[in-house]
């Protein structure tokens, strides 16, 4: 959890609460802020795809990722040159993807060794903890400026890294093939470690025989296409929420700095609840419900640009964030079973492209119109269209029996 709080909550998403300070200081304008955000998401996309080819010890990869995150966060505070920031944010995106994948792999394996798989959901509260923590710290110390914020987060990340450094040691049961389970930015599936688990897996496969992948090509295609939708839908708010709130609320209001932490707290709750929903529920229907929740969250801030509206919006956007990945990965496993890694990779790539496109679309619209309203309506309508698409696919292509009893993985 701490590793993901550092790698994602700070290394990837601390940019959001610090962006208003960077804009206020005159270092960048909103258009350049959009470029920095998209470069970070592009780096995450490249790093996530590259994880499938990496065959290294997970614990060493986590240590390297945490150390690099500290250096990259500090680098944002000691320079004011845009081209340096652009390079740093791109590399930080790739590093956060590597750290996420291998920390997930290492953590889930350790939990399996300890026969404590039920704690897996806690790992994925890490990004929410980091988001909430960075948001609250920026709110408390905004008077010191963006550079001080980056340096402060770098030092805090260094302290947290030192605290967990010795924890990341290779598991005695780790195998050379572990890296193959780390796919395109998603947590790997929980492997069967013991003979008893292996027997259970064989029994489950006997009950649910594997369907050849070609029988599910249309389902896989629509999963990949429609999984790009939430990447585009949430990222505009996730990148510009404090900026949007500051523009809408009265000057001097303390609320704009609190909406981002609210989103992080909701993400933590959603991660814990989503992991406990029954795995036999139709994943596509659950995904559609999540898309609608996020669309309503975006609309809440547009229709009611008040403290209440933004609070409700932050909660509705944060709650399904992790659940969306869980349900998508379950659907990939339903379609391709133990051979789902490539489908997960394609789906993650589509999600990543949606994230890259979001700021590139929103920032020019905001610069031209002076408001994010049009871009946010576009995001909300895109999410609703994606939900409608999922419902249509569910009705036209009813779910077939699952290939095995595995429930999938969290983001």
Protein backbone atom coordinates (compact mmCIF):
# COMPACT_ATOMS: atom_id res chain seq x y z
CA UNK A 1 0.00 0.00 0.00
CA UNK A 2 2.82 2.41 0.88
CA UNK A 3 4.67 1.60 -2.33
CA UNK A 4 1.59 2.36 -4.43
CA UNK A 5 0.91 5.52 -2.42
CA UNK A 6 4.40 6.75 -3.33
CA UNK A 7 4.52 5.55 -6.94
CA UNK A 8 0.99 6.60 -7.95
CA UNK A 9 -0.40 8.87 -5.26
CA UNK A 10 2.73 11.06 -5.32
CA UNK A 11 4.75 10.14 -8.40
CA UNK A 12 1.77 10.25 -10.74
CA UNK A 13 -1.06 12.24 -9.16
CA UNK A 14 0.64 14.89 -6.97
CA UNK A 15 0.67 16.95 -10.16
CA UNK A 16 -3.09 17.57 -9.83
CA UNK A 17 -3.14 19.50 -6.52
CA UNK A 18 0.13 21.27 -7.40
CA UNK A 19 -1.05 22.39 -10.86
CA UNK A 20 -2.94 25.47 -9.56
CA UNK A 21 0.21 26.61 -7.77
CA UNK A 22 2.27 26.09 -10.93
CA UNK A 23 -0.28 28.13 -12.91
CA UNK A 24 -0.41 30.85 -10.26
CA UNK A 25 3.37 31.15 -10.26
CA UNK A 26 3.37 31.75 -14.00
CA UNK A 27 5.68 28.84 -14.76
CA UNK A 28 3.14 27.33 -17.20
CA UNK A 29 -0.27 28.08 -18.67
CA UNK A 30 -3.24 25.73 -18.85
CA UNK A 31 -2.27 24.45 -22.29
CA UNK A 32 1.24 23.49 -21.14
CA UNK A 33 -0.29 21.93 -18.04
CA UNK A 34 -2.35 19.70 -20.31
CA UNK A 35 0.78 18.69 -22.20
CA UNK A 36 2.59 17.75 -18.98
CA UNK A 37 -0.38 15.66 -17.87
CA UNK A 38 -0.63 13.84 -21.19
CA UNK A 39 3.11 13.18 -21.27
CA UNK A 40 2.86 11.55 -17.86
CA UNK A 41 -0.03 9.37 -19.02
CA UNK A 42 1.90 8.53 -22.20
CA UNK A 43 4.84 7.43 -20.06
CA UNK A 44 2.52 5.28 -17.96
CA UNK A 45 1.15 3.72 -21.15
CA UNK A 46 4.65 2.91 -22.45
CA UNK A 47 5.82 1.61 -19.08
CA UNK A 48 2.75 -0.56 -18.64
CA UNK A 49 3.11 -2.15 -22.06
CA UNK A 50 6.83 -2.71 -21.44
CA UNK A 51 6.17 -4.61 -18.22
CA UNK A 52 5.01 -7.63 -20.19
CA UNK A 53 8.52 -8.03 -21.62
CA UNK A 54 10.45 -7.44 -18.38
CA UNK A 55 11.81 -10.53 -16.63
CA UNK A 56 13.34 -9.22 -13.45
CA UNK A 57 12.92 -9.86 -9.75
CA UNK A 58 9.80 -8.03 -8.56
CA UNK A 59 11.25 -6.85 -5.25
CA UNK A 60 14.31 -5.30 -6.91
CA UNK A 61 12.08 -3.61 -9.46
CA UNK A 62 9.95 -2.08 -6.72
CA UNK A 63 13.02 -0.74 -4.93
CA UNK A 64 14.36 0.77 -8.14
CA UNK A 65 10.97 2.29 -8.91
CA UNK A 66 10.62 3.87 -5.48
CA UNK A 67 14.13 5.32 -5.60
CA UNK A 68 13.55 6.76 -9.06
CA UNK A 69 10.19 8.20 -7.99
CA UNK A 70 11.89 10.12 -5.19
CA UNK A 71 14.48 11.56 -7.58
CA UNK A 72 11.94 12.47 -10.24
CA UNK A 73 9.61 14.22 -7.77
CA UNK A 74 12.54 16.21 -6.40
CA UNK A 75 13.58 17.11 -9.96
CA UNK A 76 10.21 18.82 -10.52
CA UNK A 77 11.03 21.19 -7.66
CA UNK A 78 14.58 22.15 -8.54
CA UNK A 79 14.04 23.29 -12.13
CA UNK A 80 11.70 25.69 -13.92
CA UNK A 81 12.38 24.65 -17.52
CA UNK A 82 9.38 23.22 -19.34
CA UNK A 83 11.34 20.76 -21.48
CA UNK A 84 12.92 19.28 -18.34
CA UNK A 85 9.51 18.99 -16.72
CA UNK A 86 8.18 17.31 -19.86
CA UNK A 87 10.95 14.69 -19.81
CA UNK A 88 10.60 14.15 -16.05
CA UNK A 89 6.83 13.66 -16.22
CA UNK A 90 7.11 11.17 -19.08
CA UNK A 91 9.74 9.10 -17.27
CA UNK A 92 7.80 9.38 -14.00
CA UNK A 93 4.79 7.89 -15.75
CA UNK A 94 6.79 4.89 -16.95
CA UNK A 95 8.36 4.39 -13.51
CA UNK A 96 4.99 4.54 -11.75
CA UNK A 97 3.68 1.83 -14.09
CA UNK A 98 6.67 -0.43 -13.43
CA UNK A 99 6.43 0.08 -9.69
CA UNK A 100 2.69 -0.53 -9.68
CA UNK A 101 2.88 -3.78 -11.61
CA UNK A 102 5.76 -5.31 -9.71
CA UNK A 103 4.59 -4.11 -6.27
CA UNK A 104 1.22 -5.72 -7.05
CA UNK A 105 2.92 -8.92 -8.17
CA UNK A 106 5.16 -9.07 -5.12
CA UNK A 107 2.36 -8.20 -2.70
CA UNK A 108 -0.18 -10.69 -4.02
CA UNK A 109 2.42 -13.46 -4.00
CA UNK A 110 3.39 -12.70 -0.41
CA UNK A 111 -0.26 -12.68 0.65
CA UNK A 112 -0.76 -16.04 -1.06
CA UNK A 113 2.29 -17.44 0.75
CA UNK A 114 0.81 -16.17 4.02
CA UNK A 115 -2.66 -17.54 3.13
CA UNK A 116 -4.07 -14.03 3.49
CA UNK A 117 -5.48 -13.31 0.05
CA UNK A 118 -8.41 -11.43 1.57
CA UNK A 119 -6.01 -8.54 2.27
CA UNK A 120 -5.38 -8.02 -1.45
CA UNK A 121 -7.88 -5.17 -1.67
CA UNK A 122 -5.88 -3.20 0.90
CA UNK A 123 -2.91 -3.01 -1.48
CA UNK A 124 -5.00 -1.05 -3.95
CA UNK A 125 -6.06 1.57 -1.45
CA UNK A 126 -2.51 2.91 -1.80
CA UNK A 127 -3.20 5.30 -4.70
CA UNK A 128 -6.21 6.71 -2.85
CA UNK A 129 -4.18 7.17 0.34
CA UNK A 130 -1.51 9.01 -1.67
CA UNK A 131 -4.06 11.19 -3.45
CA UNK A 132 -5.78 12.15 -0.21
CA UNK A 133 -2.48 12.80 1.56
CA UNK A 134 -0.98 14.99 -1.17
CA UNK A 135 -4.21 16.95 -1.50
CA UNK A 136 -4.42 17.68 2.21
CA UNK A 137 -0.75 18.65 2.43
CA UNK A 138 -1.05 21.07 -0.49
CA UNK A 139 -4.12 22.59 1.15
CA UNK A 140 -2.19 23.12 4.39
CA UNK A 141 0.99 24.48 2.83
CA UNK A 142 -0.14 26.14 -0.41
CA UNK A 143 1.52 29.42 0.56
CA UNK A 144 4.98 27.96 0.00
CA UNK A 145 4.57 27.51 -3.75
CA UNK A 146 4.78 24.66 -6.21
CA UNK A 147 8.56 24.17 -6.03
CA UNK A 148 8.46 23.74 -2.26
CA UNK A 149 5.54 21.35 -2.71
CA UNK A 150 7.46 19.12 -5.13
CA UNK A 151 10.54 19.10 -2.92
CA UNK A 152 8.44 18.39 0.16
CA UNK A 153 6.69 15.47 -1.53
CA UNK A 154 10.06 14.17 -2.70
CA UNK A 155 11.40 14.20 0.85
CA UNK A 156 8.23 12.59 2.21
CA UNK A 157 8.48 9.90 -0.46
CA UNK A 158 12.09 9.30 0.54
CA UNK A 159 11.07 8.77 4.18
CA UNK A 160 8.31 6.34 3.21
CA UNK A 161 10.67 4.50 0.86
CA UNK A 162 13.20 4.03 3.64
CA UNK A 163 10.47 2.68 5.93
CA UNK A 164 9.43 -0.07 3.51
CA UNK A 165 12.79 -0.67 1.80
CA UNK A 166 13.79 -3.78 3.73
CA UNK A 167 10.31 -5.25 3.40
CA UNK A 168 10.77 -5.83 -0.33
CA UNK A 169 12.82 -8.99 -0.40
CA UNK A 170 12.43 -11.77 -2.98
CA UNK A 171 9.81 -14.34 -1.96
CA UNK A 172 11.12 -17.85 -1.45
CA UNK A 173 8.42 -19.10 -3.81
CA UNK A 174 9.10 -16.54 -6.54
CA UNK A 175 9.72 -18.02 -9.95
CA UNK A 176 11.45 -16.76 -13.05
CA UNK A 177 8.15 -16.51 -14.86
CA UNK A 178 6.59 -14.01 -12.46
CA UNK A 179 7.25 -11.05 -14.72
CA UNK A 180 5.05 -12.56 -17.40
CA UNK A 181 2.09 -12.22 -15.04
CA UNK A 182 2.65 -8.47 -14.85
CA UNK A 183 0.59 -7.29 -17.77
CA UNK A 184 0.20 -3.86 -19.23
CA UNK A 185 -0.31 -1.95 -16.01
CA UNK A 186 -2.70 -4.28 -14.30
CA UNK A 187 -2.09 -6.42 -11.21
CA UNK A 188 -1.35 -10.01 -12.16
CA UNK A 189 -3.76 -12.81 -11.45
CA UNK A 190 -3.31 -14.59 -8.17
CA UNK A 191 -1.31 -17.74 -8.86
CA UNK A 192 -1.93 -21.12 -7.27
CA UNK A 193 1.01 -21.75 -4.99
CA UNK A 194 0.10 -24.79 -3.00
CA UNK A 195 -0.79 -28.28 -4.17
CA UNK A 196 -4.27 -27.82 -2.71
CA UNK A 197 -4.79 -24.63 -4.73
CA UNK A 198 -3.51 -26.36 -7.85
CA UNK A 199 -6.02 -29.17 -7.37
CA UNK A 200 -8.82 -26.65 -6.89
CA UNK A 201 -7.85 -24.90 -10.13
CA UNK A 202 -7.88 -28.18 -12.01
CA UNK A 203 -11.30 -29.00 -10.57
CA UNK A 204 -12.65 -25.58 -11.56
CA UNK A 205 -11.38 -26.00 -15.11
CA UNK A 206 -13.06 -29.41 -15.30
CA UNK A 207 -16.34 -27.78 -14.33
CA UNK A 208 -15.87 -24.84 -16.72
CA UNK A 209 -14.01 -26.06 -19.81
CA UNK A 210 -11.87 -23.54 -21.64
CA UNK A 211 -13.48 -21.90 -24.68
CA UNK A 212 -11.12 -21.21 -27.60
CA UNK A 213 -10.20 -17.54 -27.78
CA UNK A 214 -11.62 -17.13 -31.29
CA UNK A 215 -15.14 -17.77 -29.96
CA UNK A 216 -14.89 -14.53 -28.00
CA UNK A 217 -13.29 -12.23 -30.56
CA UNK A 218 -16.28 -9.89 -30.79
CA UNK A 219 -16.60 -9.77 -26.99
CA UNK A 220 -12.88 -9.04 -26.65
CA UNK A 221 -13.09 -6.31 -29.28
CA UNK A 222 -15.94 -4.52 -27.54
CA UNK A 223 -14.30 -4.89 -24.12
CA UNK A 224 -11.15 -3.25 -25.46
CA UNK A 225 -12.98 -0.43 -27.22
CA UNK A 226 -15.37 0.34 -24.37
CA UNK A 227 -12.62 0.14 -21.74
CA UNK A 228 -11.02 3.20 -23.35
CA UNK A 229 -14.09 5.24 -22.36
CA UNK A 230 -13.39 5.63 -18.59
CA UNK A 231 -9.77 6.48 -19.36
CA UNK A 232 -10.98 9.53 -21.26
CA UNK A 233 -13.97 10.17 -19.02
CA UNK A 234 -12.34 10.51 -15.61
CA UNK A 235 -8.96 11.94 -16.53
CA UNK A 236 -10.13 15.48 -17.30
CA UNK A 237 -11.49 15.84 -13.79
CA UNK A 238 -8.55 13.93 -12.31
CA UNK A 239 -6.12 16.37 -13.95
CA UNK A 240 -7.88 19.70 -13.57
CA UNK A 241 -10.26 19.32 -10.59
CA UNK A 242 -8.61 21.93 -8.29
CA UNK A 243 -8.27 24.37 -11.21
CA UNK A 244 -11.94 23.92 -12.15
CA UNK A 245 -13.09 24.35 -8.54
CA UNK A 246 -10.99 27.48 -8.00
CA UNK A 247 -12.50 29.09 -11.07
CA UNK A 248 -16.07 28.27 -9.99
CA UNK A 249 -15.98 29.07 -6.26
CA UNK A 250 -15.50 32.49 -4.64
CA UNK A 251 -11.93 33.73 -4.25
CA UNK A 252 -10.43 32.69 -0.96
CA UNK A 253 -12.72 29.70 -0.50
CA UNK A 254 -10.96 26.85 1.34
CA UNK A 255 -12.96 24.20 -0.52
CA UNK A 256 -11.08 23.84 -3.84
CA UNK A 257 -8.09 22.19 -2.16
CA UNK A 258 -10.31 19.62 -0.41
CA UNK A 259 -12.10 18.06 -3.38
CA UNK A 260 -9.02 16.13 -4.55
CA UNK A 261 -8.52 14.52 -1.10
CA UNK A 262 -12.23 13.63 -1.13
CA UNK A 263 -11.74 11.80 -4.41
CA UNK A 264 -8.82 9.89 -2.88
CA UNK A 265 -10.83 8.86 0.18
CA UNK A 266 -13.68 7.69 -2.06
CA UNK A 267 -11.17 5.68 -4.11
CA UNK A 268 -10.03 3.90 -0.93
CA UNK A 269 -13.62 3.01 -0.06
CA UNK A 270 -14.36 1.88 -3.61
CA UNK A 271 -11.29 -0.36 -3.66
CA UNK A 272 -12.40 -2.16 -0.51
CA UNK A 273 -16.06 -2.48 -1.53
CA UNK A 274 -15.40 -3.46 -5.15
CA UNK A 275 -13.15 -6.33 -4.10
CA UNK A 276 -16.03 -7.83 -2.11
CA UNK A 277 -18.77 -7.74 -4.74
CA UNK A 278 -19.81 -11.20 -5.99
CA UNK A 279 -17.63 -12.30 -8.89
CA UNK A 280 -20.55 -14.07 -10.62
CA UNK A 281 -22.34 -10.77 -11.37
CA UNK A 282 -22.10 -9.80 -15.05
CA UNK A 283 -18.97 -7.69 -15.36
CA UNK A 284 -20.29 -5.65 -18.27
CA UNK A 285 -23.36 -4.58 -16.34
CA UNK A 286 -21.18 -3.62 -13.38
CA UNK A 287 -18.90 -1.64 -15.67
CA UNK A 288 -21.90 0.19 -17.14
CA UNK A 289 -23.06 1.13 -13.63
CA UNK A 290 -19.58 2.45 -12.81
CA UNK A 291 -19.53 4.54 -15.98
CA UNK A 292 -22.89 6.06 -15.07
CA UNK A 293 -21.66 6.89 -11.56
CA UNK A 294 -18.65 8.73 -12.94
CA UNK A 295 -20.80 10.56 -15.51
CA UNK A 296 -23.12 11.69 -12.71
CA UNK A 297 -20.10 12.82 -10.71
CA UNK A 298 -18.88 14.98 -13.59
CA UNK A 299 -22.37 16.38 -14.19
CA UNK A 300 -22.76 17.24 -10.49
CA UNK A 301 -19.87 19.69 -10.69
CA UNK A 302 -21.23 21.27 -13.87
CA UNK A 303 -24.88 21.60 -12.83
CA UNK A 304 -24.03 22.67 -9.29
CA UNK A 305 -20.61 24.40 -9.27
CA UNK A 306 -20.75 24.73 -5.50
CA UNK A 307 -18.99 23.08 -2.59
CA UNK A 308 -21.82 20.54 -2.37
CA UNK A 309 -21.77 19.82 -6.11
CA UNK A 310 -18.02 19.35 -6.28
CA UNK A 311 -18.01 17.21 -3.12
CA UNK A 312 -20.67 14.91 -4.56
CA UNK A 313 -18.86 14.82 -7.89
CA UNK A 314 -15.50 13.93 -6.32
CA UNK A 315 -17.11 11.08 -4.40
CA UNK A 316 -18.98 9.65 -7.38
CA UNK A 317 -15.89 9.79 -9.60
CA UNK A 318 -13.60 8.23 -6.99
CA UNK A 319 -15.78 5.37 -5.79
CA UNK A 320 -15.84 3.30 -9.03
CA UNK A 321 -12.29 4.13 -10.10
CA UNK A 322 -10.64 0.91 -8.93
CA UNK A 323 -13.78 -1.20 -9.40
CA UNK A 324 -13.74 -0.41 -13.13
CA UNK A 325 -10.38 -2.14 -13.51
CA UNK A 326 -11.47 -5.08 -11.36
CA UNK A 327 -14.56 -5.75 -13.45
CA UNK A 328 -12.72 -5.33 -16.75
CA UNK A 329 -10.03 -7.80 -15.70
CA UNK A 330 -12.67 -10.28 -14.56
CA UNK A 331 -14.31 -9.99 -17.97
CA UNK A 332 -10.99 -10.62 -19.71
CA UNK A 333 -10.54 -13.76 -17.61
CA UNK A 334 -14.08 -14.89 -18.44
CA UNK A 335 -13.30 -14.59 -22.13
CA UNK A 336 -9.76 -15.97 -22.32
CA UNK A 337 -9.17 -17.69 -18.98
CA UNK A 338 -5.51 -18.22 -18.16
CA UNK A 339 -4.58 -16.87 -21.61
CA UNK A 340 -6.05 -13.44 -20.87
CA UNK A 341 -2.77 -11.54 -20.55
CA UNK A 342 -2.79 -10.27 -24.14
CA UNK A 343 -6.42 -9.13 -23.90
CA UNK A 344 -5.63 -7.33 -20.65
CA UNK A 345 -2.74 -5.67 -22.43
CA UNK A 346 -4.90 -4.47 -25.32
CA UNK A 347 -7.57 -3.21 -22.92
CA UNK A 348 -5.00 -1.36 -20.82
CA UNK A 349 -3.52 0.17 -23.94
CA UNK A 350 -6.97 1.46 -24.92
CA UNK A 351 -7.51 2.86 -21.41
CA UNK A 352 -4.11 4.53 -21.59
CA UNK A 353 -4.90 6.14 -24.93
CA UNK A 354 -8.09 7.53 -23.41
CA UNK A 355 -6.06 9.07 -20.59
CA UNK A 356 -3.59 10.61 -23.02
CA UNK A 357 -6.38 12.10 -25.14
CA UNK A 358 -8.28 13.65 -22.21
CA UNK A 359 -5.97 16.56 -21.30
CA UNK A 360 -5.06 17.14 -24.95
CA UNK A 361 -8.74 17.67 -25.73
CA UNK A 362 -9.70 19.54 -22.56
CA UNK A 363 -6.86 22.07 -22.27
CA UNK A 364 -7.32 23.67 -25.74
CA UNK A 365 -11.10 23.83 -25.24
CA UNK A 366 -10.62 25.51 -21.85
CA UNK A 367 -8.05 27.92 -23.26
CA UNK A 368 -10.38 28.86 -26.13
CA UNK A 369 -13.66 29.13 -24.19
CA UNK A 370 -12.30 30.17 -20.81
CA UNK A 371 -14.09 27.25 -19.14
CA UNK A 372 -13.85 23.48 -18.76
CA UNK A 373 -17.64 23.11 -18.99
CA UNK A 374 -17.73 21.95 -22.62
CA UNK A 375 -14.88 19.47 -22.09
CA UNK A 376 -16.55 18.07 -18.97
CA UNK A 377 -19.89 17.60 -20.73
CA UNK A 378 -18.01 15.78 -23.48
CA UNK A 379 -16.44 13.49 -20.87
CA UNK A 380 -19.79 12.82 -19.17
CA UNK A 381 -21.56 12.07 -22.46
CA UNK A 382 -18.71 9.79 -23.50
CA UNK A 383 -19.13 7.80 -20.28
CA UNK A 384 -22.89 7.52 -20.82
CA UNK A 385 -22.33 6.37 -24.40
CA UNK A 386 -19.88 3.77 -23.12
CA UNK A 387 -22.42 2.55 -20.56
CA UNK A 388 -25.06 2.26 -23.27
CA UNK A 389 -22.61 0.30 -25.41
CA UNK A 390 -21.90 -2.12 -22.59
CA UNK A 391 -25.60 -2.68 -21.96
CA UNK A 392 -26.17 -3.31 -25.67
CA UNK A 393 -23.29 -5.81 -25.84
CA UNK A 394 -24.60 -7.56 -22.71
CA UNK A 395 -28.05 -7.94 -24.25
CA UNK A 396 -26.81 -9.05 -27.67
CA UNK A 397 -24.08 -11.36 -26.38
CA UNK A 398 -25.14 -13.06 -23.11
CA UNK A 399 -22.32 -14.23 -20.87
CA UNK A 400 -21.07 -17.77 -21.40
CA UNK A 401 -19.76 -19.90 -18.54
CA UNK A 402 -16.52 -18.66 -17.07
CA UNK A 403 -13.36 -20.45 -18.02
CA UNK A 404 -12.33 -20.90 -14.41
CA UNK A 405 -13.14 -19.78 -10.91
CA UNK A 406 -10.57 -17.00 -10.68
CA UNK A 407 -12.10 -13.65 -10.00
CA UNK A 408 -9.50 -11.45 -11.62
CA UNK A 409 -7.27 -8.77 -10.25
CA UNK A 410 -7.42 -5.23 -9.05
CA UNK A 411 -5.78 -2.26 -10.63
